[in-house]
Amino acid sequence: MNIAATAIPKEVKQSQRYRDPRPFSVRFREHMRRNRLAYLLLIPAFVVICATVIYPFIYAFNLATTDTNMYNINSPTKQPQFVGVGNFVEIFSNPEFYTVLGRTILWTAVNVICHVAFGLWLAVLLNRNLKMRGLYRTLLVLPWAIPQLIVAMMWKNEFNTQYGSINLILQSIGLPAIPWLTDPFWAFVAVCITNIWLGIPFMMVIILGGLQSISPEYYEAAQIDGATAWQQFRNITVPFLRPVLTPAIILGTVWTFNNLNIIYLITKGGPNNGTQILVTYVYRAAFDFYRYGYAAAFSVVIFLILLIFCLFYIRATRGAQEV
């Protein structure tokens, strides 16, 4: 044991400028001895993460550098060939990629903005002393509790041009029927409405939890100082909600960006590819055209786009900092 190291006061050891003079092997053995139980408890979770996350992730990167498809993946005579960045070059040289990327960004932005706006509005209302507040919360959470398959099928029937209730209501008040699922623009509006309705409860619950964690004393002090309701919202509510909103918005963005279910079940990317987004494009490349290597490369591109967004958003909003 190094007597010089043990004689150093605890306050000095905790200082950021202090560097333990002992060899790395000695410090490593001491660290493992003190944290042996913690690492033993982490081993099962680490094994599961390796099997379900890390290995598929590495396999996808490896698959993205080959021309693997249905005809050579298990063929004894024709093996997948290494193409390097060929799949990525093909992706970025295809003009359709930028069209689908722009539509995906629009789809994500519209949905997440509406989720946050309506979720915040409902959370503020439910945070007040309302009668039957528990009933309102239960009813508003129902869309989130219903399986997405049922939600998609339900809204697909509602958007039916001839028999859907939406068009029947429009016609009953003298308005023309809207070709929801046959016109590219209205089909995009239809899937946005469906996903907005589906995602508001999640954001509402997250924001409501953040609102209830804010002490009423801040608002009482602001009222004494003569602050208006808007000033209280801007200077108290928003800053205290930032640590809650940052992960919620990031999760909402990732989920919406990769949301295959709603679009595929309602429009399958149509009509005329008017509702095609990146994840449905990948699905078609893998399961309609059986280009597994190309689809894996596309998945890597989607991952990098979302990773860049998350890092930029956290840094721009300082969401990782506490109030």
Protein backbone atom coordinates (compact mmCIF):
# COMPACT_ATOMS: atom_id res chain seq x y z
CA MET A 1 0.00 0.00 0.00
CA ASN A 2 1.25 3.45 -0.88
CA ILE A 3 1.44 5.34 2.42
CA ALA A 4 1.82 8.66 0.64
CA ALA A 5 -1.47 8.16 -1.19
CA THR A 6 -3.39 7.15 1.94
CA ALA A 7 -2.06 10.12 3.89
CA ILE A 8 -3.60 12.61 1.50
CA PRO A 9 -6.63 14.34 3.05
CA LYS A 10 -10.07 13.42 1.69
CA GLU A 11 -10.75 17.01 0.58
CA VAL A 12 -7.64 16.97 -1.59
CA LYS A 13 -8.57 13.62 -3.13
CA GLN A 14 -11.97 15.00 -4.14
CA SER A 15 -10.43 18.00 -5.84
CA GLN A 16 -10.54 17.93 -9.64
CA ARG A 17 -6.88 18.94 -9.84
CA TYR A 18 -5.71 15.99 -7.77
CA ARG A 19 -4.28 12.99 -9.61
CA ASP A 20 -3.65 9.76 -7.77
CA PRO A 21 0.11 9.01 -8.11
CA ARG A 22 -0.36 5.26 -7.78
CA PRO A 23 0.01 3.01 -10.86
CA PHE A 24 -3.09 2.30 -12.90
CA SER A 25 -3.05 -1.40 -12.02
CA VAL A 26 -3.16 -0.61 -8.31
CA ARG A 27 -5.98 1.90 -8.73
CA PHE A 28 -7.91 -0.54 -10.94
CA ARG A 29 -7.65 -3.39 -8.43
CA GLU A 30 -8.80 -1.13 -5.62
CA HIS A 31 -11.71 0.13 -7.69
CA MET A 32 -12.83 -3.41 -8.58
CA ARG A 33 -12.50 -4.50 -4.94
CA ARG A 34 -14.71 -1.65 -3.73
CA ASN A 35 -17.31 -2.05 -6.52
CA ARG A 36 -17.26 -5.84 -6.97
CA LEU A 37 -20.92 -6.32 -6.00
CA ALA A 38 -22.11 -3.53 -8.29
CA TYR A 39 -20.39 -5.07 -11.32
CA LEU A 40 -21.73 -8.52 -10.47
CA LEU A 41 -25.26 -7.13 -10.39
CA LEU A 42 -24.72 -5.39 -13.74
CA ILE A 43 -23.55 -8.54 -15.55
CA PRO A 44 -27.05 -9.91 -16.39
CA ALA A 45 -28.19 -6.56 -17.80
CA PHE A 46 -24.95 -6.22 -19.75
CA VAL A 47 -25.39 -9.68 -21.31
CA VAL A 48 -28.95 -8.85 -22.36
CA ILE A 49 -27.88 -5.50 -23.85
CA CYS A 50 -25.07 -7.18 -25.77
CA ALA A 51 -27.46 -9.79 -27.18
CA THR A 52 -30.31 -7.46 -28.06
CA VAL A 53 -28.62 -4.12 -28.84
CA ILE A 54 -24.87 -4.20 -29.36
CA TYR A 55 -24.63 -7.36 -31.49
CA PRO A 56 -27.54 -6.40 -33.84
CA PHE A 57 -26.05 -2.92 -34.11
CA ILE A 58 -22.63 -4.25 -35.17
CA TYR A 59 -24.27 -6.79 -37.49
CA ALA A 60 -26.28 -4.01 -39.18
CA PHE A 61 -23.10 -1.99 -39.78
CA ASN A 62 -21.41 -5.04 -41.26
CA LEU A 63 -24.47 -5.83 -43.42
CA ALA A 64 -24.51 -2.25 -44.72
CA THR A 65 -21.14 -2.79 -46.40
CA THR A 66 -22.33 -5.77 -48.48
CA ASP A 67 -24.77 -6.40 -51.32
CA THR A 68 -26.73 -8.95 -49.31
CA ASN A 69 -30.15 -9.77 -50.75
CA MET A 70 -32.64 -12.62 -50.77
CA TYR A 71 -30.80 -14.47 -53.53
CA ASN A 72 -27.33 -14.62 -51.99
CA ILE A 73 -27.91 -14.52 -48.23
CA ASN A 74 -28.17 -18.32 -47.91
CA SER A 75 -27.02 -19.41 -51.35
CA PRO A 76 -24.28 -22.10 -51.43
CA THR A 77 -23.00 -20.87 -54.81
CA LYS A 78 -23.34 -17.09 -54.62
CA GLN A 79 -22.10 -15.28 -51.52
CA PRO A 80 -22.70 -11.62 -50.58
CA GLN A 81 -19.94 -9.34 -51.84
CA PHE A 82 -18.23 -6.56 -49.92
CA VAL A 83 -19.14 -3.20 -51.48
CA GLY A 84 -17.75 -0.84 -48.85
CA VAL A 85 -19.54 2.50 -49.00
CA GLY A 86 -21.30 1.58 -52.25
CA ASN A 87 -24.71 1.39 -50.60
CA PHE A 88 -24.23 4.78 -48.96
CA VAL A 89 -23.15 6.33 -52.25
CA GLU A 90 -26.27 4.95 -53.90
CA ILE A 91 -28.46 6.37 -51.14
CA PHE A 92 -27.07 9.89 -51.29
CA SER A 93 -26.93 9.96 -55.09
CA ASN A 94 -30.63 9.10 -55.36
CA PRO A 95 -32.77 12.29 -55.66
CA GLU A 96 -35.73 10.47 -54.13
CA PHE A 97 -33.82 10.19 -50.86
CA TYR A 98 -33.89 13.96 -50.34
CA THR A 99 -37.60 14.14 -51.16
CA VAL A 100 -38.39 11.41 -48.64
CA LEU A 101 -36.02 12.99 -46.09
CA GLY A 102 -37.77 16.35 -46.39
CA ARG A 103 -41.17 14.69 -45.96
CA THR A 104 -39.87 12.78 -42.94
CA ILE A 105 -38.61 15.97 -41.31
CA LEU A 106 -41.95 17.67 -41.99
CA TRP A 107 -43.84 14.65 -40.62
CA THR A 108 -41.71 14.62 -37.46
CA ALA A 109 -41.84 18.38 -36.89
CA VAL A 110 -45.62 18.65 -37.31
CA ASN A 111 -46.29 15.73 -35.00
CA VAL A 112 -43.83 16.64 -32.24
CA ILE A 113 -44.85 20.31 -32.19
CA CYS A 114 -48.52 19.36 -31.92
CA HIS A 115 -47.75 16.72 -29.27
CA VAL A 116 -45.91 19.25 -27.11
CA ALA A 117 -48.37 22.12 -27.68
CA PHE A 118 -51.55 20.15 -27.02
CA GLY A 119 -49.91 18.05 -24.31
CA LEU A 120 -48.75 21.20 -22.48
CA TRP A 121 -52.18 22.80 -22.83
CA LEU A 122 -53.99 19.75 -21.43
CA ALA A 123 -51.41 19.28 -18.67
CA VAL A 124 -51.85 22.90 -17.51
CA LEU A 125 -55.64 22.42 -17.44
CA LEU A 126 -55.41 19.13 -15.53
CA ASN A 127 -52.95 20.62 -13.05
CA ARG A 128 -55.69 22.91 -11.74
CA ASN A 129 -58.27 22.04 -9.10
CA LEU A 130 -60.94 20.72 -11.45
CA LYS A 131 -63.92 18.62 -10.50
CA MET A 132 -63.70 15.01 -11.77
CA ARG A 133 -60.05 15.59 -12.65
CA GLY A 134 -59.28 11.88 -12.30
CA LEU A 135 -61.95 11.00 -14.84
CA TYR A 136 -60.58 13.51 -17.33
CA ARG A 137 -57.08 12.11 -16.95
CA THR A 138 -58.31 8.57 -17.54
CA LEU A 139 -60.25 9.53 -20.67
CA LEU A 140 -57.35 11.52 -22.11
CA VAL A 141 -54.90 8.65 -21.58
CA LEU A 142 -57.11 6.14 -23.44
CA PRO A 143 -55.65 6.86 -26.93
CA TRP A 144 -52.20 5.98 -25.60
CA ALA A 145 -53.48 2.74 -24.04
CA ILE A 146 -55.14 1.47 -27.24
CA PRO A 147 -52.86 -0.69 -29.46
CA GLN A 148 -51.63 1.16 -32.55
CA LEU A 149 -53.05 -1.49 -34.87
CA ILE A 150 -56.57 -0.82 -33.61
CA VAL A 151 -56.02 2.94 -33.74
CA ALA A 152 -54.78 2.80 -37.34
CA MET A 153 -57.66 0.62 -38.50
CA MET A 154 -60.17 2.82 -36.70
CA TRP A 155 -58.90 6.04 -38.26
CA LYS A 156 -58.56 4.42 -41.67
CA ASN A 157 -62.29 3.68 -41.59
CA GLU A 158 -63.02 7.21 -40.37
CA PHE A 159 -61.14 8.63 -43.37
CA ASN A 160 -63.05 6.50 -45.90
CA THR A 161 -64.18 8.83 -48.69
CA GLN A 162 -67.73 7.44 -49.01
CA TYR A 163 -68.58 5.94 -45.63
CA GLY A 164 -66.19 7.59 -43.17
CA SER A 165 -67.81 9.62 -40.41
CA ILE A 166 -65.57 12.63 -41.09
CA ASN A 167 -66.80 13.07 -44.64
CA LEU A 168 -70.39 12.33 -43.59
CA ILE A 169 -70.17 15.16 -41.05
CA LEU A 170 -68.67 17.50 -43.66
CA GLN A 171 -71.40 16.68 -46.14
CA SER A 172 -74.10 17.14 -43.52
CA ILE A 173 -73.04 20.79 -43.08
CA GLY A 174 -72.81 21.41 -46.81
CA LEU A 175 -69.07 20.92 -47.34
CA PRO A 176 -67.63 18.63 -50.04
CA ALA A 177 -66.13 15.26 -49.16
CA ILE A 178 -62.34 15.18 -48.88
CA PRO A 179 -60.37 12.44 -50.70
CA TRP A 180 -58.43 11.55 -47.56
CA LEU A 181 -56.77 8.34 -48.75
CA THR A 182 -56.63 8.93 -52.53
CA ASP A 183 -54.96 12.35 -52.68
CA PRO A 184 -51.28 12.56 -51.60
CA PHE A 185 -51.71 15.84 -49.70
CA TRP A 186 -54.83 14.80 -47.81
CA ALA A 187 -53.39 11.35 -47.14
CA PHE A 188 -50.40 13.02 -45.46
CA VAL A 189 -52.79 15.18 -43.42
CA ALA A 190 -54.76 12.06 -42.44
CA VAL A 191 -51.75 10.17 -41.07
CA CYS A 192 -50.59 13.30 -39.23
CA ILE A 193 -54.00 13.66 -37.56
CA THR A 194 -53.92 10.01 -36.52
CA ASN A 195 -50.43 10.17 -35.04
CA ILE A 196 -51.09 13.49 -33.29
CA TRP A 197 -54.20 12.03 -31.64
CA LEU A 198 -52.18 9.00 -30.61
CA GLY A 199 -49.16 10.84 -29.19
CA ILE A 200 -50.72 13.68 -27.19
CA PRO A 201 -51.45 11.57 -24.05
CA PHE A 202 -47.80 10.55 -23.62
CA MET A 203 -46.60 14.14 -23.73
CA MET A 204 -49.46 15.25 -21.49
CA VAL A 205 -48.58 12.71 -18.79
CA ILE A 206 -44.87 13.61 -18.87
CA ILE A 207 -45.53 17.36 -18.67
CA LEU A 208 -48.18 16.92 -15.97
CA GLY A 209 -45.64 15.09 -13.82
CA GLY A 210 -43.20 17.95 -14.32
CA LEU A 211 -45.83 20.57 -13.41
CA GLN A 212 -46.72 18.77 -10.19
CA SER A 213 -43.07 18.77 -9.14
CA ILE A 214 -42.92 22.60 -9.20
CA SER A 215 -43.43 24.10 -5.76
CA PRO A 216 -46.42 26.49 -5.50
CA GLU A 217 -44.24 28.86 -3.48
CA TYR A 218 -42.60 30.14 -6.67
CA TYR A 219 -45.96 31.17 -8.13
CA GLU A 220 -47.05 32.74 -4.83
CA ALA A 221 -43.87 34.82 -4.70
CA ALA A 222 -44.34 35.84 -8.35
CA GLN A 223 -47.93 36.92 -7.69
CA ILE A 224 -46.79 39.03 -4.75
CA ASP A 225 -44.28 40.72 -7.03
CA GLY A 226 -47.07 41.45 -9.53
CA ALA A 227 -46.03 39.02 -12.26
CA THR A 228 -48.65 38.27 -14.90
CA ALA A 229 -49.75 34.75 -15.81
CA TRP A 230 -47.59 34.83 -18.95
CA GLN A 231 -44.53 36.01 -16.99
CA GLN A 232 -45.05 33.20 -14.49
CA PHE A 233 -45.33 30.67 -17.29
CA ARG A 234 -42.23 31.96 -19.10
CA ASN A 235 -39.98 32.48 -16.08
CA ILE A 236 -41.11 29.66 -13.77
CA THR A 237 -42.98 26.94 -15.62
CA VAL A 238 -40.82 26.69 -18.75
CA PRO A 239 -37.41 26.63 -16.97
CA PHE A 240 -38.57 23.99 -14.49
CA LEU A 241 -40.07 21.89 -17.28
CA ARG A 242 -36.86 21.92 -19.33
CA PRO A 243 -35.31 18.82 -17.69
CA VAL A 244 -38.61 17.02 -18.31
CA LEU A 245 -39.27 18.28 -21.83
CA THR A 246 -35.79 17.58 -23.19
CA PRO A 247 -35.90 13.76 -22.91
CA ALA A 248 -39.62 13.75 -23.77
CA ILE A 249 -39.06 15.70 -26.99
CA ILE A 250 -36.06 13.56 -27.91
CA LEU A 251 -38.05 10.36 -27.35
CA GLY A 252 -41.02 11.77 -29.25
CA THR A 253 -38.80 12.78 -32.16
CA VAL A 254 -37.10 9.38 -32.37
CA TRP A 255 -40.40 7.50 -32.10
CA THR A 256 -42.13 9.69 -34.68
CA PHE A 257 -39.18 9.64 -37.07
CA ASN A 258 -39.23 5.83 -36.95
CA ASN A 259 -42.99 5.36 -36.75
CA LEU A 260 -43.77 2.71 -39.35
CA ASN A 261 -47.09 1.45 -37.97
CA ILE A 262 -49.42 4.38 -38.59
CA ILE A 263 -48.31 5.19 -42.12
CA TYR A 264 -47.96 1.60 -43.27
CA LEU A 265 -51.30 0.48 -41.84
CA ILE A 266 -53.28 3.46 -43.19
CA THR A 267 -51.66 4.31 -46.54
CA LYS A 268 -48.65 1.95 -47.00
CA GLY A 269 -46.70 5.01 -48.15
CA GLY A 270 -49.21 5.91 -50.86
CA PRO A 271 -50.88 7.23 -52.82
CA ASN A 272 -48.10 7.88 -55.34
CA ASN A 273 -45.56 7.67 -52.46
CA GLY A 274 -47.13 10.82 -51.00
CA THR A 275 -46.81 9.57 -47.43
CA GLN A 276 -43.52 7.73 -47.80
CA ILE A 277 -41.00 8.46 -45.03
CA LEU A 278 -37.53 7.04 -44.46
CA VAL A 279 -38.58 4.12 -42.27
CA THR A 280 -41.27 2.97 -44.73
CA TYR A 281 -38.70 3.35 -47.51
CA VAL A 282 -36.37 1.04 -45.57
CA TYR A 283 -39.20 -1.43 -44.98
CA ARG A 284 -39.95 -1.61 -48.70
CA ALA A 285 -36.28 -2.00 -49.59
CA ALA A 286 -35.95 -4.92 -47.17
CA PHE A 287 -39.26 -6.75 -47.52
CA ASP A 288 -40.56 -5.75 -50.96
CA PHE A 289 -37.29 -5.65 -52.93
CA TYR A 290 -35.26 -7.91 -50.56
CA ARG A 291 -32.18 -5.65 -50.63
CA TYR A 292 -31.00 -6.31 -47.10
CA GLY A 293 -27.59 -4.67 -47.41
CA TYR A 294 -29.09 -1.52 -48.90
CA ALA A 295 -31.79 -1.43 -46.22
CA ALA A 296 -29.15 -1.84 -43.49
CA ALA A 297 -27.19 1.08 -44.93
CA PHE A 298 -30.35 3.15 -44.96
CA SER A 299 -30.94 2.25 -41.32
CA VAL A 300 -27.44 3.42 -40.45
CA VAL A 301 -28.15 6.74 -42.17
CA ILE A 302 -31.35 7.15 -40.14
CA PHE A 303 -29.44 6.36 -36.95
CA LEU A 304 -26.79 8.98 -37.73
CA ILE A 305 -29.43 11.61 -38.53
CA LEU A 306 -31.18 11.03 -35.21
CA LEU A 307 -27.88 10.92 -33.30
CA ILE A 308 -26.82 14.29 -34.74
CA PHE A 309 -30.21 15.77 -33.92
CA CYS A 310 -30.14 14.53 -30.32
CA LEU A 311 -26.65 15.88 -29.68
CA PHE A 312 -27.46 19.23 -31.28
CA TYR A 313 -30.79 19.56 -29.45
CA ILE A 314 -29.34 18.76 -26.03
CA ARG A 315 -26.51 21.23 -26.55
CA ALA A 316 -28.75 23.98 -27.99
CA THR A 317 -31.39 23.77 -25.26
CA ARG A 318 -28.99 22.94 -22.43
CA GLY A 319 -31.50 20.29 -21.49
CA ALA A 320 -28.98 18.23 -19.58
CA GLN A 321 -28.45 21.04 -17.05
CA GLU A 322 -30.56 21.26 -13.93
CA VAL A 323 -32.50 24.39 -13.05
